[in-house]
C-alpha atoms as a PDB file:
ATOM      1  CA  MET A   1     148.139  96.039 116.625  1.00  0.00           C
ATOM      2  CA  GLN A   2     144.744  95.103 118.097  1.00  0.00           C
ATOM      3  CA  THR A   3     144.567  98.420 119.984  1.00  0.00           C
ATOM      4  CA  ILE A   4     145.229 100.390 116.775  1.00  0.00           C
ATOM      5  CA  ALA A   5     142.497  98.470 114.914  1.00  0.00           C
ATOM      6  CA  ALA A   6     140.026  99.031 117.762  1.00  0.00           C
ATOM      7  CA  SER A   7     140.964 102.698 117.863  1.00  0.00           C
ATOM      8  CA  ASN A   8     140.420 103.060 114.087  1.00  0.00           C
ATOM      9  CA  PHE A   9     137.073 101.285 114.376  1.00  0.00           C
ATOM     10  CA  SER A  10     136.030 103.633 117.199  1.00  0.00           C
ATOM     11  CA  ARG A  11     137.003 106.679 115.130  1.00  0.00           C
ATOM     12  CA  ARG A  12     135.084 105.425 112.103  1.00  0.00           C
ATOM     13  CA  LEU A  13     132.037 104.646 114.234  1.00  0.00           C
ATOM     14  CA  PHE A  14     132.178 108.079 115.881  1.00  0.00           C
ATOM     15  CA  ALA A  15     132.554 109.730 112.462  1.00  0.00           C
ATOM     16  CA  ALA A  16     129.551 107.824 111.099  1.00  0.00           C
ATOM     17  CA  PHE A  17     127.429 108.911 114.073  1.00  0.00           C
ATOM     18  CA  ALA A  18     128.619 112.500 113.696  1.00  0.00           C
ATOM     19  CA  VAL A  19     127.696 112.547 110.001  1.00  0.00           C
ATOM     20  CA  ALA A  20     124.287 110.968 110.671  1.00  0.00           C
ATOM     21  CA  PHE A  21     123.600 113.460 113.472  1.00  0.00           C
ATOM     22  CA  GLY A  22     124.604 116.344 111.217  1.00  0.00           C
ATOM     23  CA  LEU A  23     122.321 115.147 108.428  1.00  0.00           C
ATOM     24  CA  MET A  24     119.404 114.685 110.823  1.00  0.00           C
ATOM     25  CA  THR A  25     119.781 118.132 112.303  1.00  0.00           C
ATOM     26  CA  ALA A  26     120.070 119.599 108.805  1.00  0.00           C
ATOM     27  CA  GLY A  27     116.822 117.819 107.879  1.00  0.00           C
ATOM     28  CA  LEU A  28     118.421 115.672 105.196  1.00  0.00           C
ATOM     29  CA  LEU A  29     117.644 112.400 106.937  1.00  0.00           C
ATOM     30  CA  SER A  30     114.131 113.294 107.951  1.00  0.00           C
ATOM     31  CA  ALA A  31     111.344 110.991 108.994  1.00  0.00           C
ATOM     32  CA  PRO A  32     108.861 109.835 106.338  1.00  0.00           C
ATOM     33  CA  ALA A  33     106.274 112.336 105.202  1.00  0.00           C
ATOM     34  CA  ALA A  34     103.633 113.166 107.785  1.00  0.00           C
ATOM     35  CA  ASN A  35     101.025 111.219 105.831  1.00  0.00           C
ATOM     36  CA  ALA A  36     103.172 108.091 106.003  1.00  0.00           C
ATOM     37  CA  LYS A  37     103.204 108.429 109.790  1.00  0.00           C
ATOM     38  CA  ILE A  38      99.444 108.783 109.786  1.00  0.00           C
ATOM     39  CA  TRP A  39      98.504 106.271 107.118  1.00  0.00           C
ATOM     40  CA  PHE A  40     100.036 103.335 108.673  1.00  0.00           C
ATOM     41  CA  GLU A  41     102.990 102.631 110.702  1.00  0.00           C
ATOM     42  CA  GLY A  42     103.280  99.381 108.781  1.00  0.00           C
ATOM     43  CA  GLY A  43     106.180 100.876 106.865  1.00  0.00           C
ATOM     44  CA  VAL A  44     108.181 100.126 109.984  1.00  0.00           C
ATOM     45  CA  PHE A  45     107.826  96.476 109.057  1.00  0.00           C
ATOM     46  CA  GLY A  46     109.004  97.127 105.514  1.00  0.00           C
ATOM     47  CA  SER A  47     105.835  95.794 103.968  1.00  0.00           C
ATOM     48  CA  GLY A  48     103.721  98.910 103.567  1.00  0.00           C
ATOM     49  CA  ALA A  49     100.230  99.574 104.811  1.00  0.00           C
ATOM     50  CA  VAL A  50      98.521  96.939 106.954  1.00  0.00           C
ATOM     51  CA  ARG A  51     101.724  94.911 106.973  1.00  0.00           C
ATOM     52  CA  GLY A  52     101.273  94.211 103.275  1.00  0.00           C
ATOM     53  CA  TYR A  53      97.747  92.815 103.500  1.00  0.00           C
ATOM     54  CA  ASP A  54      95.193  93.522 100.773  1.00  0.00           C
ATOM     55  CA  VAL A  55      92.600  95.866 102.313  1.00  0.00           C
ATOM     56  CA  VAL A  56      90.142  95.298  99.475  1.00  0.00           C
ATOM     57  CA  ALA A  57      90.032  91.571 100.278  1.00  0.00           C
ATOM     58  CA  TYR A  58      88.439  92.286 103.667  1.00  0.00           C
ATOM     59  CA  PHE A  59      85.454  93.648 101.735  1.00  0.00           C
ATOM     60  CA  THR A  60      85.371  91.333  98.715  1.00  0.00           C
ATOM     61  CA  GLU A  61      86.469  88.048 100.271  1.00  0.00           C
ATOM     62  CA  GLY A  62      85.527  88.628 103.889  1.00  0.00           C
ATOM     63  CA  ARG A  63      88.959  87.638 105.120  1.00  0.00           C
ATOM     64  CA  PRO A  64      92.525  88.933 105.371  1.00  0.00           C
ATOM     65  CA  VAL A  65      94.655  88.121 102.338  1.00  0.00           C
ATOM     66  CA  GLU A  66      98.328  88.954 101.950  1.00  0.00           C
ATOM     67  CA  GLY A  67      99.121  91.343  99.140  1.00  0.00           C
ATOM     68  CA  ASP A  68     101.648  90.705  96.401  1.00  0.00           C
ATOM     69  CA  ARG A  69     104.567  93.051  95.612  1.00  0.00           C
ATOM     70  CA  GLN A  70     103.507  92.788  91.982  1.00  0.00           C
ATOM     71  CA  PHE A  71     100.245  94.669  92.691  1.00  0.00           C
ATOM     72  CA  THR A  72     100.907  97.914  94.548  1.00  0.00           C
ATOM     73  CA  HIS A  73      99.502 101.396  94.729  1.00  0.00           C
ATOM     74  CA  SER A  74     100.988 104.416  96.468  1.00  0.00           C
ATOM     75  CA  TRP A  75      98.533 106.495  98.476  1.00  0.00           C
ATOM     76  CA  MET A  76      99.021 108.914 101.380  1.00  0.00           C
ATOM     77  CA  GLY A  77     102.782 108.388 101.234  1.00  0.00           C
ATOM     78  CA  THR A  78     102.466 104.650 101.795  1.00  0.00           C
ATOM     79  CA  GLU A  79     102.701 101.572  99.590  1.00  0.00           C
ATOM     80  CA  TRP A  80      99.558  99.444  99.590  1.00  0.00           C
ATOM     81  CA  ARG A  81      99.718  95.836  98.349  1.00  0.00           C
ATOM     82  CA  PHE A  82      96.973  93.802  96.779  1.00  0.00           C
ATOM     83  CA  ALA A  83      96.398  90.164  95.912  1.00  0.00           C
ATOM     84  CA  ASN A  84      95.568  91.007  92.298  1.00  0.00           C
ATOM     85  CA  ALA A  85      95.238  93.835  89.776  1.00  0.00           C
ATOM     86  CA  GLU A  86      91.468  94.042  90.222  1.00  0.00           C
ATOM     87  CA  HIS A  87      91.828  94.796  93.945  1.00  0.00           C
ATOM     88  CA  ARG A  88      94.578  97.324  93.248  1.00  0.00           C
ATOM     89  CA  ASP A  89      92.371  99.098  90.722  1.00  0.00           C
ATOM     90  CA  LEU A  90      89.359  99.116  93.055  1.00  0.00           C
ATOM     91  CA  PHE A  91      91.486 100.699  95.760  1.00  0.00           C
ATOM     92  CA  ALA A  92      93.058 103.238  93.408  1.00  0.00           C
ATOM     93  CA  ALA A  93      89.601 104.342  92.252  1.00  0.00           C
ATOM     94  CA  ASN A  94      88.324 104.906  95.816  1.00  0.00           C
ATOM     95  CA  PRO A  95      90.977 104.486  98.540  1.00  0.00           C
ATOM     96  CA  GLU A  96      88.827 106.055 101.279  1.00  0.00           C
ATOM     97  CA  LYS A  97      86.298 103.246 100.816  1.00  0.00           C
ATOM     98  CA  TYR A  98      88.841 100.527 101.580  1.00  0.00           C
ATOM     99  CA  ALA A  99      91.488 102.127 103.780  1.00  0.00           C
ATOM    100  CA  PRO A 100      91.225 101.206 107.452  1.00  0.00           C
ATOM    101  CA  GLN A 101      89.905 103.763 109.890  1.00  0.00           C
ATOM    102  CA  TYR A 102      92.225 105.757 112.142  1.00  0.00           C
ATOM    103  CA  GLY A 103      95.093 105.572 109.698  1.00  0.00           C
ATOM    104  CA  GLY A 104      95.336 101.819 110.098  1.00  0.00           C
ATOM    105  CA  TRP A 105      96.156 102.033 113.809  1.00  0.00           C
ATOM    106  CA  CYS A 106      94.429  99.839 116.378  1.00  0.00           C
ATOM    107  CA  ALA A 107      90.808 101.003 116.689  1.00  0.00           C
ATOM    108  CA  TRP A 108      90.642 100.092 120.375  1.00  0.00           C
ATOM    109  CA  ALA A 109      93.850 101.997 121.160  1.00  0.00           C
ATOM    110  CA  VAL A 110      92.589 105.093 119.325  1.00  0.00           C
ATOM    111  CA  SER A 111      89.364 104.862 121.344  1.00  0.00           C
ATOM    112  CA  GLN A 112      91.578 104.999 124.440  1.00  0.00           C
ATOM    113  CA  GLY A 113      93.523 108.009 123.153  1.00  0.00           C
ATOM    114  CA  TYR A 114      96.745 106.502 121.796  1.00  0.00           C
ATOM    115  CA  THR A 115      98.040 104.438 118.883  1.00  0.00           C
ATOM    116  CA  ALA A 116      99.134 100.829 118.659  1.00  0.00           C
ATOM    117  CA  SER A 117     100.129  98.603 115.756  1.00  0.00           C
ATOM    118  CA  VAL A 118      97.731  96.032 114.397  1.00  0.00           C
ATOM    119  CA  ASP A 119      97.381  92.378 113.607  1.00  0.00           C
ATOM    120  CA  PRO A 120      95.814  92.127 110.122  1.00  0.00           C
ATOM    121  CA  GLU A 121      93.963  89.038 111.373  1.00  0.00           C
ATOM    122  CA  ALA A 122      92.119  91.146 114.016  1.00  0.00           C
ATOM    123  CA  TRP A 123      89.623  93.093 111.942  1.00  0.00           C
ATOM    124  CA  ARG A 124      85.984  93.955 111.508  1.00  0.00           C
ATOM    125  CA  ILE A 125      83.901  95.888 109.004  1.00  0.00           C
ATOM    126  CA  VAL A 126      81.285  98.114 110.652  1.00  0.00           C
ATOM    127  CA  ASP A 127      78.927 100.258 108.586  1.00  0.00           C
ATOM    128  CA  GLY A 128      81.125  99.747 105.524  1.00  0.00           C
ATOM    129  CA  LYS A 129      84.342 100.801 107.289  1.00  0.00           C
ATOM    130  CA  LEU A 130      87.364  98.634 108.084  1.00  0.00           C
ATOM    131  CA  TYR A 131      88.645  98.653 111.671  1.00  0.00           C
ATOM    132  CA  LEU A 132      91.818  96.862 112.734  1.00  0.00           C
ATOM    133  CA  ASN A 133      92.996  95.921 116.210  1.00  0.00           C
ATOM    134  CA  TYR A 134      96.284  95.151 117.913  1.00  0.00           C
ATOM    135  CA  SER A 135      95.390  91.510 118.516  1.00  0.00           C
ATOM    136  CA  LYS A 136      92.413  89.211 118.686  1.00  0.00           C
ATOM    137  CA  SER A 137      92.310  89.567 122.492  1.00  0.00           C
ATOM    138  CA  VAL A 138      92.227  93.377 122.177  1.00  0.00           C
ATOM    139  CA  GLN A 139      89.594  92.980 119.488  1.00  0.00           C
ATOM    140  CA  SER A 140      87.416  91.027 121.913  1.00  0.00           C
ATOM    141  CA  GLN A 141      87.554  94.050 124.265  1.00  0.00           C
ATOM    142  CA  TRP A 142      86.690  96.342 121.349  1.00  0.00           C
ATOM    143  CA  ASN A 143      83.784  94.056 120.415  1.00  0.00           C
ATOM    144  CA  GLU A 144      82.210  94.547 123.872  1.00  0.00           C
ATOM    145  CA  ASP A 145      81.144  98.092 122.917  1.00  0.00           C
ATOM    146  CA  ILE A 146      81.812  98.719 119.242  1.00  0.00           C
ATOM    147  CA  PRO A 147      79.564 101.795 118.919  1.00  0.00           C
ATOM    148  CA  GLY A 148      81.091 103.355 122.051  1.00  0.00           C
ATOM    149  CA  HIS A 149      84.646 102.634 120.930  1.00  0.00           C
ATOM    150  CA  ILE A 150      83.967 104.031 117.456  1.00  0.00           C
ATOM    151  CA  SER A 151      82.415 107.166 118.966  1.00  0.00           C
ATOM    152  CA  ARG A 152      85.420 107.693 121.265  1.00  0.00           C
ATOM    153  CA  GLY A 153      87.831 106.834 118.454  1.00  0.00           C
ATOM    154  CA  ASP A 154      86.177 109.340 116.127  1.00  0.00           C
ATOM    155  CA  ARG A 155      86.528 112.028 118.826  1.00  0.00           C
ATOM    156  CA  ASN A 156      90.163 111.108 119.590  1.00  0.00           C
ATOM    157  CA  TRP A 157      91.395 110.626 116.025  1.00  0.00           C
ATOM    158  CA  PRO A 158      91.727 114.315 114.967  1.00  0.00           C
ATOM    159  CA  ARG A 159      93.967 115.061 117.976  1.00  0.00           C
ATOM    160  CA  ILE A 160      96.008 111.883 117.492  1.00  0.00           C
ATOM    161  CA  LYS A 161      96.355 112.519 113.754  1.00  0.00           C
ATOM    162  CA  ASP A 162      97.575 116.081 114.394  1.00  0.00           C
ATOM    163  CA  LYS A 163     100.104 114.790 116.924  1.00  0.00           C
ATOM    164  CA  LEU A 164     101.375 112.138 114.484  1.00  0.00           C
ATOM    165  CA  ALA A 165     101.748 114.734 111.757  1.00  0.00           C
ATOM    166  CA  THR A 166     104.011 116.878 113.928  1.00  0.00           C
ATOM    167  CA  GLU A 167     106.211 114.128 115.395  1.00  0.00           C
END
């Protein structure tokens, strides 16, 4: 009896994998839109851009503030959360002003030629632009040569963005 149940389970599991594989190869279970891959991998965490933090708050309050599911805006294929309606509306009116540089990926990593996730607590505004880093320790490395890292990041970003769009 136990062998029959295990055998049925194995068949069902194999069938599920076969169906999923078939859908993927047919393009029906595709990855998120290319923009979602570029404008923040935070969707992986199920909380949208910048892990659900309010990007406007970095500018208006000078600190990271968690967004609220009640105040969202969809932009570049990603859900952005805000602490209040005013922040949501500011972002909706001018998302490029508030969105983090390099698609929300770690600024130091992009300056090195690759991407890495971010810690919303590791941030800095430079010349009116929001930069995020993987961690506070990585941010301290980034802080050692901010202009150099931004220059390298700006050079690397078009290639990285193109690669992300085709993955």
